[in-house]
Amino acid sequence: MNIQEILSLSEDQWLTELQVDPVTRNIQSNIDYFDGKHPILTDPSRADYSIDKFEEDPLTGEKKISGSEQVKRTKLVINYQQQIVETAVGMCVGAPVTLTLNSGDETGHKDAFEIFVDQWRNKTRLDTFSVKMAKALFVESKCAELYFHDGGDTEGDIKVMLLSKDNGDDIWAHFDDDKKMDALTRVYTKRMIVGSKPEDVEVTQIWTAESRWEKQGDGAWEQTANPYEKLQIVYYDQKKPEFHLVTDLISKQEYVRSQNSDVNKRVGSPSVVVDGELVGPPEVGQDVKVWTLKNGQDIEGKPIKSSVSYLQSASAPEAIKMELDDYKQDMYKLTWPDLSFLRESIKTGSLSGVAIKLMFTDSFVKIGLKKAIFEDFSRRVSILKRMLAVAQGSVFDELNISVTFNSILPENTTEITDYLSVAVGAGITSKSQAIGMLNFNDGNPNITKEILEEEGREIGGIA
């Protein structure tokens, strides 16, 4: 059914049809895991325990229980999931996108495009907002963006709100039979004055292209017309959080290192074994500790030569080290790379931009797969155009704007400029196209014209 068919049902049936998610998710568990609430913290096998303490009866020599001692087990939480999400966010949307006007020759389009870019960059701040959105998506597995005019007036700047569980929102997207989203249901709690007292009231909203339906608590539904005649919401969805493939590997790391830490606490520090008779231990503050001994007797009364030795376990057994290294490599293979290796590689010598990109081949494959999700950035363009058209004129509806994702990896601009110069000289691309490909031009359609004007002024000045 489409949204109009659902809204034609009785009101008590609306939410039954709309609050449906075809994917089974536990979003709160995803958030808790990302925040460091890992299974090791509540696992009974890692619970603290008590051991009995004994003392010897001075009269009988018997040992009796005199109390107990609490033994704390190490429960180490390693937050690899945060590194995985932050790297994914940085690799996918860490760099500002390039906005390109593809209809710059039409009347008024260039001026309208400048207003559009200003709304994107400075008013809505979508480049920064993309980082928040991607983090919510990669942790929770779904989120949405709600666009609105500041103050509810179409004359105000366009703003954007992130709808996510961590922000207090439960959301459900509805798609028609053609798999096109035609509604989004939002439930959140709002602090309100009810009967002269502040109370938390549950608010339910249904957003469509035509209207917004809202009810507060058990109140009646109220309808507000949508002035944009377009659903001003972008919905993002992936079935699982970004770290779901490696939660078991993270747990293995935590258990192995926690157990190893407990072993180190008990036998990691060297113990002193004295054969013979101890006259006096070294002073605590001595740099070089000297033990004073004299020859003594063994348990059978035979004379022995006194000596001191250290009892110490081998540190970091090779098998454990290899196991931990294998877990770590598998985690980065299944998710996103550890960017620290790039810093180490750069220290060893100069790397070209091409060499750096080759090192991140696996990451670019993942980014390519993510583009299926972030293609909805084109929906951002469509929504902003419609909202600006309502506020400032229909010319915004006519704009043809494309979005290009950029990499956070450093580029050798000299290399790229040389490549493009050769391409222009060989006649396989135009000078205008080459100028547009340079990232520092940010898709500005006026660059070629400005260059020609500058060259003309220089030539005129020389003449």
Protein backbone atom coordinates (compact mmCIF):
# COMPACT_ATOMS: atom_id res chain seq x y z
CA MET A 1 0.00 0.00 0.00
CA ASN A 2 1.04 3.61 -0.49
CA ILE A 3 0.70 6.28 2.18
CA GLN A 4 -2.57 7.64 0.79
CA GLU A 5 -4.16 4.22 1.02
CA ILE A 6 -2.97 3.85 4.62
CA LEU A 7 -4.29 7.28 5.60
CA SER A 8 -7.66 6.29 4.14
CA LEU A 9 -7.92 3.62 6.85
CA SER A 10 -9.22 4.36 10.34
CA GLU A 11 -6.77 6.34 12.47
CA ASP A 12 -6.23 3.50 14.91
CA GLN A 13 -4.81 1.43 12.01
CA TRP A 14 -2.27 3.97 10.81
CA LEU A 15 0.59 3.13 13.14
CA THR A 16 0.02 -0.61 12.77
CA GLU A 17 0.86 -0.22 9.08
CA LEU A 18 3.55 2.43 9.44
CA GLN A 19 5.59 1.33 12.46
CA VAL A 20 7.03 -1.65 10.59
CA ASP A 21 10.71 -2.36 9.92
CA PRO A 22 11.52 -5.30 7.62
CA VAL A 23 14.95 -5.56 9.24
CA THR A 24 15.33 -6.94 12.77
CA ARG A 25 17.46 -4.47 14.74
CA ASN A 26 18.41 -3.84 18.33
CA ILE A 27 19.47 -0.24 18.04
CA GLN A 28 19.86 0.43 21.76
CA SER A 29 22.20 -2.56 22.06
CA ASN A 30 24.26 -1.16 19.17
CA ILE A 31 24.55 2.18 20.96
CA ASP A 32 25.46 0.52 24.26
CA TYR A 33 28.13 -1.61 22.58
CA PHE A 34 29.59 1.44 20.83
CA ASP A 35 29.71 3.24 24.20
CA GLY A 36 31.77 0.40 25.69
CA LYS A 37 29.15 -1.79 27.38
CA HIS A 38 30.71 -5.08 26.28
CA PRO A 39 29.74 -8.64 27.35
CA ILE A 40 32.95 -9.09 29.35
CA LEU A 41 31.70 -6.58 31.93
CA THR A 42 28.73 -8.77 32.90
CA ASP A 43 30.07 -12.25 32.12
CA PRO A 44 29.80 -14.44 35.26
CA SER A 45 33.05 -16.19 34.33
CA ARG A 46 34.88 -12.87 34.80
CA ALA A 47 33.12 -11.95 38.05
CA ASP A 48 35.20 -11.05 41.12
CA TYR A 49 35.55 -13.80 43.73
CA SER A 50 36.64 -14.33 47.33
CA ILE A 51 39.30 -16.60 48.81
CA ASP A 52 39.60 -17.69 52.42
CA LYS A 53 42.36 -16.28 54.61
CA PHE A 54 43.92 -18.53 57.26
CA GLU A 55 45.84 -17.92 60.44
CA GLU A 56 47.64 -20.36 62.73
CA ASP A 57 46.31 -21.02 66.20
CA PRO A 58 49.24 -20.15 68.53
CA LEU A 59 48.24 -22.89 70.97
CA THR A 60 47.45 -25.83 68.69
CA GLY A 61 49.31 -24.83 65.56
CA GLU A 62 46.19 -25.51 63.49
CA LYS A 63 45.26 -23.23 60.61
CA LYS A 64 41.78 -21.73 60.81
CA ILE A 65 39.77 -19.48 58.50
CA SER A 66 40.15 -15.93 59.75
CA GLY A 67 38.27 -14.08 57.00
CA SER A 68 38.19 -13.67 53.25
CA GLU A 69 39.97 -11.62 50.63
CA GLN A 70 38.30 -10.13 47.55
CA VAL A 71 40.07 -10.96 44.29
CA LYS A 72 39.22 -8.67 41.40
CA ARG A 73 39.32 -10.06 37.89
CA THR A 74 40.45 -7.79 35.09
CA LYS A 75 37.60 -6.89 32.70
CA LEU A 76 39.37 -4.98 29.96
CA VAL A 77 37.18 -3.18 27.39
CA ILE A 78 38.97 -2.41 24.12
CA ASN A 79 37.01 0.12 22.10
CA TYR A 80 37.95 -1.03 18.61
CA GLN A 81 34.35 -0.39 17.55
CA GLN A 82 34.82 3.35 18.04
CA GLN A 83 37.94 3.38 15.88
CA ILE A 84 36.13 1.35 13.21
CA VAL A 85 33.17 3.75 13.08
CA GLU A 86 35.30 6.90 13.18
CA THR A 87 37.53 5.60 10.37
CA ALA A 88 34.49 4.65 8.27
CA VAL A 89 32.97 8.09 8.79
CA GLY A 90 36.23 9.81 7.87
CA MET A 91 36.82 7.70 4.78
CA CYS A 92 33.23 8.11 3.48
CA VAL A 93 32.22 11.68 4.32
CA GLY A 94 35.22 13.22 6.10
CA ALA A 95 36.02 15.50 3.17
CA PRO A 96 33.55 18.14 1.93
CA VAL A 97 31.73 17.07 -1.23
CA THR A 98 32.13 18.93 -4.50
CA LEU A 99 28.95 20.60 -5.81
CA THR A 100 28.95 21.12 -9.56
CA LEU A 101 26.48 23.17 -11.59
CA ASN A 102 25.76 21.41 -14.88
CA SER A 103 23.35 24.05 -16.21
CA GLY A 104 25.48 27.18 -15.86
CA ASP A 105 24.56 28.74 -19.22
CA GLU A 106 20.88 29.30 -18.42
CA THR A 107 19.74 32.71 -17.18
CA GLY A 108 19.96 33.11 -13.42
CA HIS A 109 21.38 29.66 -12.78
CA LYS A 110 24.85 30.78 -11.69
CA ASP A 111 23.48 33.26 -9.16
CA ALA A 112 21.01 30.71 -7.85
CA PHE A 113 23.80 28.12 -7.59
CA GLU A 114 25.86 30.49 -5.41
CA ILE A 115 22.87 30.85 -3.06
CA PHE A 116 22.45 27.06 -3.05
CA VAL A 117 26.12 26.47 -2.18
CA ASP A 118 25.91 29.07 0.60
CA GLN A 119 22.89 27.25 2.07
CA TRP A 120 24.72 23.91 1.86
CA ARG A 121 28.07 25.09 3.20
CA ASN A 122 27.26 27.88 5.64
CA LYS A 123 23.58 27.81 6.63
CA THR A 124 22.76 24.11 6.80
CA ARG A 125 26.44 23.16 7.24
CA LEU A 126 25.82 19.83 5.55
CA ASP A 127 29.49 18.89 5.25
CA THR A 128 29.85 18.91 9.03
CA PHE A 129 26.39 17.45 9.49
CA SER A 130 27.33 14.52 7.25
CA VAL A 131 29.84 13.37 9.87
CA LYS A 132 27.15 13.28 12.57
CA MET A 133 24.72 11.53 10.24
CA ALA A 134 27.23 8.87 9.14
CA LYS A 135 28.23 8.13 12.73
CA ALA A 136 24.58 7.59 13.70
CA LEU A 137 24.04 5.36 10.66
CA PHE A 138 27.15 3.24 11.24
CA VAL A 139 26.30 2.72 14.93
CA GLU A 140 22.49 2.45 14.90
CA SER A 141 22.05 1.12 11.33
CA LYS A 142 19.39 3.69 10.41
CA CYS A 143 18.75 7.43 10.78
CA ALA A 144 17.12 10.31 8.92
CA GLU A 145 17.54 14.01 8.16
CA LEU A 146 14.63 16.43 8.55
CA TYR A 147 14.92 19.75 6.70
CA PHE A 148 13.01 22.84 7.79
CA HIS A 149 13.12 26.62 7.59
CA ASP A 150 14.45 28.30 10.71
CA GLY A 151 11.55 29.62 12.78
CA GLY A 152 9.04 27.83 10.55
CA ASP A 153 9.09 30.77 8.12
CA THR A 154 10.09 30.11 4.49
CA GLU A 155 12.05 33.38 4.61
CA GLY A 156 14.41 31.90 7.21
CA ASP A 157 17.59 29.92 6.60
CA ILE A 158 17.24 26.20 5.90
CA LYS A 159 18.23 24.01 8.84
CA VAL A 160 18.55 20.25 9.26
CA MET A 161 17.81 17.96 12.22
CA LEU A 162 19.22 14.46 12.77
CA LEU A 163 16.58 11.90 13.68
CA SER A 164 18.23 9.00 15.53
CA LYS A 165 17.74 6.81 18.58
CA ASP A 166 20.63 8.47 20.36
CA ASN A 167 18.85 11.80 19.86
CA GLY A 168 15.64 10.39 21.34
CA ASP A 169 13.84 9.46 18.12
CA ASP A 170 12.27 6.18 17.02
CA ILE A 171 11.72 6.27 13.26
CA TRP A 172 10.11 4.03 10.63
CA ALA A 173 10.31 4.70 6.90
CA HIS A 174 7.47 3.56 4.66
CA PHE A 175 7.94 2.67 1.01
CA ASP A 176 5.27 2.31 -1.64
CA ASP A 177 5.01 -0.62 -4.03
CA ASP A 178 7.70 0.96 -6.24
CA LYS A 179 10.15 1.02 -3.29
CA LYS A 180 9.97 4.80 -3.10
CA MET A 181 9.76 6.34 0.37
CA ASP A 182 6.45 8.13 0.76
CA ALA A 183 6.27 8.61 4.55
CA LEU A 184 8.32 8.63 7.71
CA THR A 185 6.92 8.08 11.20
CA ARG A 186 8.70 9.64 14.16
CA VAL A 187 8.06 9.08 17.87
CA TYR A 188 9.86 11.14 20.52
CA THR A 189 9.30 12.53 23.99
CA LYS A 190 8.74 16.23 24.58
CA ARG A 191 8.72 18.11 27.89
CA MET A 192 5.42 20.02 28.09
CA ILE A 193 3.19 21.83 30.58
CA VAL A 194 0.17 19.62 31.30
CA GLY A 195 -2.34 20.93 33.80
CA SER A 196 0.18 23.53 35.07
CA LYS A 197 2.79 20.80 35.68
CA PRO A 198 5.78 19.82 33.49
CA GLU A 199 5.45 16.32 32.09
CA ASP A 200 7.15 14.17 29.45
CA VAL A 201 4.65 13.60 26.65
CA GLU A 202 5.10 11.15 23.77
CA VAL A 203 4.71 12.88 20.40
CA THR A 204 3.99 10.91 17.22
CA GLN A 205 4.44 12.45 13.77
CA ILE A 206 3.74 11.15 10.28
CA TRP A 207 5.54 13.10 7.56
CA THR A 208 4.38 12.91 3.93
CA ALA A 209 4.81 15.04 0.82
CA GLU A 210 1.39 16.60 1.38
CA SER A 211 1.10 16.94 5.17
CA ARG A 212 2.46 16.42 8.61
CA TRP A 213 0.17 14.53 10.97
CA GLU A 214 0.87 14.86 14.69
CA LYS A 215 -0.64 13.77 17.97
CA GLN A 216 0.55 14.40 21.52
CA GLY A 217 0.02 11.65 24.04
CA ASP A 218 -3.46 10.19 23.62
CA GLY A 219 -4.74 13.33 21.90
CA ALA A 220 -6.29 13.60 18.45
CA TRP A 221 -4.34 13.70 15.20
CA GLU A 222 -3.77 17.20 13.82
CA GLN A 223 -2.90 17.85 10.18
CA THR A 224 -0.58 20.61 8.89
CA ALA A 225 -0.14 21.21 5.17
CA ASN A 226 3.38 20.78 3.77
CA PRO A 227 4.23 23.99 1.86
CA TYR A 228 6.99 22.26 -0.15
CA GLU A 229 4.73 19.52 -1.55
CA LYS A 230 7.74 17.24 -1.15
CA LEU A 231 8.81 14.95 1.68
CA GLN A 232 11.69 16.97 3.14
CA ILE A 233 13.34 13.96 4.76
CA VAL A 234 16.36 11.88 3.71
CA TYR A 235 16.43 8.35 5.14
CA TYR A 236 19.60 6.25 5.46
CA ASP A 237 19.62 2.54 6.18
CA GLN A 238 22.02 -0.39 6.42
CA LYS A 239 21.08 -3.74 7.93
CA LYS A 240 23.82 -3.98 10.57
CA PRO A 241 26.12 -1.62 12.48
CA GLU A 242 29.57 -1.11 11.01
CA PHE A 243 31.28 -3.31 13.60
CA HIS A 244 28.90 -6.29 13.59
CA LEU A 245 31.33 -8.64 11.79
CA VAL A 246 34.07 -8.26 14.39
CA THR A 247 32.30 -8.18 17.76
CA ASP A 248 33.47 -11.75 18.45
CA LEU A 249 37.05 -10.84 17.55
CA ILE A 250 36.91 -7.82 19.84
CA SER A 251 35.63 -10.07 22.65
CA LYS A 252 38.48 -12.54 22.08
CA GLN A 253 40.98 -9.70 22.35
CA GLU A 254 39.36 -8.52 25.57
CA TYR A 255 39.23 -11.98 27.18
CA VAL A 256 42.78 -12.98 26.22
CA ARG A 257 44.27 -9.69 27.38
CA SER A 258 42.19 -9.63 30.57
CA GLN A 259 43.24 -13.16 31.49
CA ASN A 260 46.86 -12.36 30.65
CA SER A 261 46.63 -9.25 32.82
CA ASP A 262 45.43 -11.35 35.76
CA VAL A 263 48.33 -13.76 35.27
CA ASN A 264 50.78 -10.85 35.15
CA LYS A 265 49.38 -9.39 38.37
CA ARG A 266 49.94 -12.68 40.18
CA VAL A 267 53.22 -13.98 38.75
CA GLY A 268 54.43 -11.27 36.37
CA SER A 269 56.54 -9.50 38.99
CA PRO A 270 59.65 -11.48 40.01
CA SER A 271 59.63 -13.31 43.35
CA VAL A 272 62.74 -13.79 45.45
CA VAL A 273 63.78 -17.29 46.51
CA VAL A 274 66.32 -17.51 49.33
CA ASP A 275 68.24 -20.74 49.97
CA GLY A 276 69.83 -20.68 53.40
CA GLU A 277 69.42 -18.11 56.12
CA LEU A 278 68.40 -14.50 55.47
CA VAL A 279 70.17 -11.98 57.67
CA GLY A 280 68.52 -8.84 56.27
CA PRO A 281 66.62 -7.69 53.12
CA PRO A 282 67.79 -4.68 51.12
CA GLU A 283 66.51 -1.22 51.85
CA VAL A 284 63.53 -0.18 49.75
CA GLY A 285 65.23 2.95 48.38
CA GLN A 286 68.42 1.25 47.23
CA ASP A 287 69.18 1.53 43.49
CA VAL A 288 71.14 -1.71 43.62
CA LYS A 289 69.48 -4.04 46.11
CA VAL A 290 71.86 -6.16 48.20
CA TRP A 291 70.60 -9.20 50.11
CA THR A 292 72.61 -10.17 53.23
CA LEU A 293 72.87 -13.93 53.78
CA LYS A 294 74.80 -16.47 55.81
CA ASN A 295 75.20 -20.15 55.28
CA GLY A 296 72.38 -22.12 56.83
CA GLN A 297 70.89 -25.57 57.04
CA ASP A 298 68.32 -27.43 54.99
CA ILE A 299 65.25 -29.08 56.49
CA GLU A 300 67.30 -32.16 57.39
CA GLY A 301 69.86 -30.10 59.25
CA LYS A 302 72.59 -30.44 56.66
CA PRO A 303 74.71 -27.34 56.01
CA ILE A 304 74.04 -25.53 52.68
CA LYS A 305 75.53 -22.53 50.97
CA SER A 306 73.09 -19.62 50.96
CA SER A 307 71.99 -18.02 47.65
CA VAL A 308 69.38 -15.72 46.15
CA SER A 309 67.53 -16.33 42.88
CA TYR A 310 64.54 -14.77 41.10
CA LEU A 311 61.44 -16.70 40.14
CA GLN A 312 59.89 -15.02 37.12
CA SER A 313 57.57 -16.12 34.30
CA ALA A 314 58.45 -15.44 30.69
CA SER A 315 56.77 -12.19 29.61
CA ALA A 316 54.39 -12.05 26.64
CA PRO A 317 54.38 -15.70 25.53
CA GLU A 318 54.80 -15.88 21.78
CA ALA A 319 51.62 -17.92 21.26
CA ILE A 320 49.47 -15.25 22.97
CA LYS A 321 51.17 -12.46 21.04
CA MET A 322 50.54 -14.22 17.72
CA GLU A 323 46.91 -14.86 18.66
CA LEU A 324 46.31 -11.19 19.48
CA ASP A 325 48.03 -10.04 16.29
CA ASP A 326 45.88 -12.40 14.20
CA TYR A 327 42.68 -11.08 15.79
CA LYS A 328 43.75 -7.51 15.12
CA GLN A 329 44.62 -8.16 11.47
CA ASP A 330 41.30 -9.92 10.91
CA MET A 331 39.39 -7.00 12.42
CA TYR A 332 40.98 -4.51 10.06
CA LYS A 333 40.50 -6.80 7.05
CA LEU A 334 36.79 -7.15 7.78
CA THR A 335 36.16 -3.48 8.56
CA TRP A 336 38.35 -0.44 7.91
CA PRO A 337 42.14 0.01 8.03
CA ASP A 338 44.19 1.23 10.95
CA LEU A 339 45.25 4.66 9.68
CA SER A 340 48.26 4.75 12.03
CA PHE A 341 50.25 2.64 9.54
CA LEU A 342 49.98 5.47 6.98
CA ARG A 343 51.72 7.86 9.35
CA GLU A 344 54.51 5.34 9.87
CA SER A 345 54.85 4.80 6.12
CA ILE A 346 55.11 8.53 5.44
CA LYS A 347 57.92 8.82 8.01
CA THR A 348 60.05 6.37 6.01
CA GLY A 349 60.01 8.44 2.85
CA SER A 350 58.00 10.48 0.38
CA LEU A 351 54.87 8.76 -0.95
CA SER A 352 53.10 9.98 -4.05
CA GLY A 353 49.36 10.49 -4.08
CA VAL A 354 48.98 7.45 -6.34
CA ALA A 355 51.04 5.27 -3.98
CA ILE A 356 48.92 6.32 -1.01
CA LYS A 357 45.70 5.50 -2.85
CA LEU A 358 47.03 2.06 -3.82
CA MET A 359 47.63 1.35 -0.12
CA PHE A 360 43.92 1.95 0.48
CA THR A 361 42.51 -0.20 -2.32
CA ASP A 362 40.37 -2.24 0.11
CA SER A 363 38.95 0.96 1.61
CA PHE A 364 37.98 2.35 -1.78
CA VAL A 365 36.14 -0.90 -2.51
CA LYS A 366 34.16 -0.42 0.71
CA ILE A 367 33.50 3.24 -0.11
CA GLY A 368 32.18 2.17 -3.50
CA LEU A 369 29.71 -0.13 -1.78
CA LYS A 370 28.67 2.62 0.64
CA LYS A 371 27.80 4.93 -2.24
CA ALA A 372 24.64 2.92 -2.70
CA ILE A 373 23.60 4.40 0.66
CA PHE A 374 24.99 7.89 0.21
CA GLU A 375 23.53 8.31 -3.25
CA ASP A 376 20.69 9.89 -1.28
CA PHE A 377 22.89 12.99 -1.17
CA SER A 378 21.20 13.70 -4.49
CA ARG A 379 17.95 13.76 -2.52
CA ARG A 380 19.50 16.43 -0.33
CA VAL A 381 20.01 18.50 -3.47
CA SER A 382 16.42 17.92 -4.54
CA ILE A 383 15.02 18.96 -1.14
CA LEU A 384 17.15 22.11 -0.87
CA LYS A 385 16.20 23.14 -4.42
CA ARG A 386 12.48 22.71 -3.65
CA MET A 387 12.68 24.62 -0.37
CA LEU A 388 14.65 27.46 -1.98
CA ALA A 389 12.20 27.52 -4.88
CA VAL A 390 9.28 27.99 -2.47
CA ALA A 391 11.12 30.76 -0.65
CA GLN A 392 12.96 32.57 -3.47
CA GLY A 393 11.71 31.57 -6.91
CA SER A 394 11.23 28.68 -9.33
CA VAL A 395 14.71 29.08 -10.87
CA PHE A 396 16.04 26.77 -8.14
CA ASP A 397 13.85 23.94 -9.43
CA GLU A 398 15.61 24.26 -12.80
CA LEU A 399 19.17 23.84 -11.48
CA ASN A 400 21.08 20.72 -12.52
CA ILE A 401 23.52 20.06 -9.67
CA SER A 402 25.68 16.99 -9.13
CA VAL A 403 27.48 15.85 -5.98
CA THR A 404 30.98 14.33 -6.03
CA PHE A 405 32.45 12.61 -2.99
CA ASN A 406 36.05 13.42 -2.15
CA SER A 407 38.72 11.44 -0.32
CA ILE A 408 40.30 12.48 2.98
CA LEU A 409 43.61 11.02 1.78
CA PRO A 410 46.19 13.64 0.82
CA GLU A 411 46.55 14.29 -2.87
CA ASN A 412 49.63 15.46 -4.73
CA THR A 413 48.12 18.44 -6.54
CA THR A 414 51.29 18.85 -8.62
CA GLU A 415 50.91 15.29 -9.94
CA ILE A 416 47.24 15.81 -10.81
CA THR A 417 47.96 19.15 -12.51
CA ASP A 418 50.71 17.53 -14.58
CA TYR A 419 48.38 14.69 -15.64
CA LEU A 420 45.66 17.14 -16.66
CA SER A 421 48.14 19.37 -18.54
CA VAL A 422 49.29 16.38 -20.56
CA ALA A 423 45.66 15.35 -21.21
CA VAL A 424 44.73 18.84 -22.42
CA GLY A 425 47.84 19.01 -24.60
CA ALA A 426 47.05 15.60 -26.12
CA GLY A 427 43.53 16.75 -26.94
CA ILE A 428 41.78 14.08 -24.88
CA THR A 429 40.03 16.53 -22.56
CA SER A 430 39.13 20.20 -22.58
CA LYS A 431 40.82 22.89 -20.54
CA SER A 432 37.47 23.74 -18.92
CA GLN A 433 36.92 20.09 -17.93
CA ALA A 434 40.45 19.84 -16.48
CA ILE A 435 39.93 22.98 -14.41
CA GLY A 436 36.69 21.56 -13.02
CA MET A 437 38.48 18.36 -11.92
CA LEU A 438 40.88 20.19 -9.61
CA ASN A 439 39.47 19.84 -6.10
CA PHE A 440 40.47 23.32 -4.96
CA ASN A 441 38.10 24.84 -7.55
CA ASP A 442 35.11 23.17 -5.79
CA GLY A 443 33.02 22.88 -8.96
CA ASN A 444 32.93 26.65 -9.49
CA PRO A 445 31.55 27.17 -13.03
CA ASN A 446 33.06 30.67 -13.25
CA ILE A 447 36.73 29.62 -12.99
CA THR A 448 37.31 29.31 -16.75
CA LYS A 449 35.70 32.70 -17.38
CA GLU A 450 37.75 34.31 -14.62
CA ILE A 451 40.98 32.89 -16.07
CA LEU A 452 40.16 34.22 -19.52
CA GLU A 453 39.30 37.64 -18.08
CA GLU A 454 42.58 37.74 -16.16
CA GLU A 455 44.55 36.74 -19.23
CA GLY A 456 42.75 39.41 -21.25
CA ARG A 457 43.55 42.11 -18.70
CA GLU A 458 47.19 41.06 -18.61
CA ILE A 459 47.45 41.09 -22.40
CA GLY A 460 45.76 44.47 -22.54
CA GLY A 461 48.10 45.85 -19.90
CA ILE A 462 51.17 44.67 -21.84
CA ALA A 463 49.86 46.22 -25.06
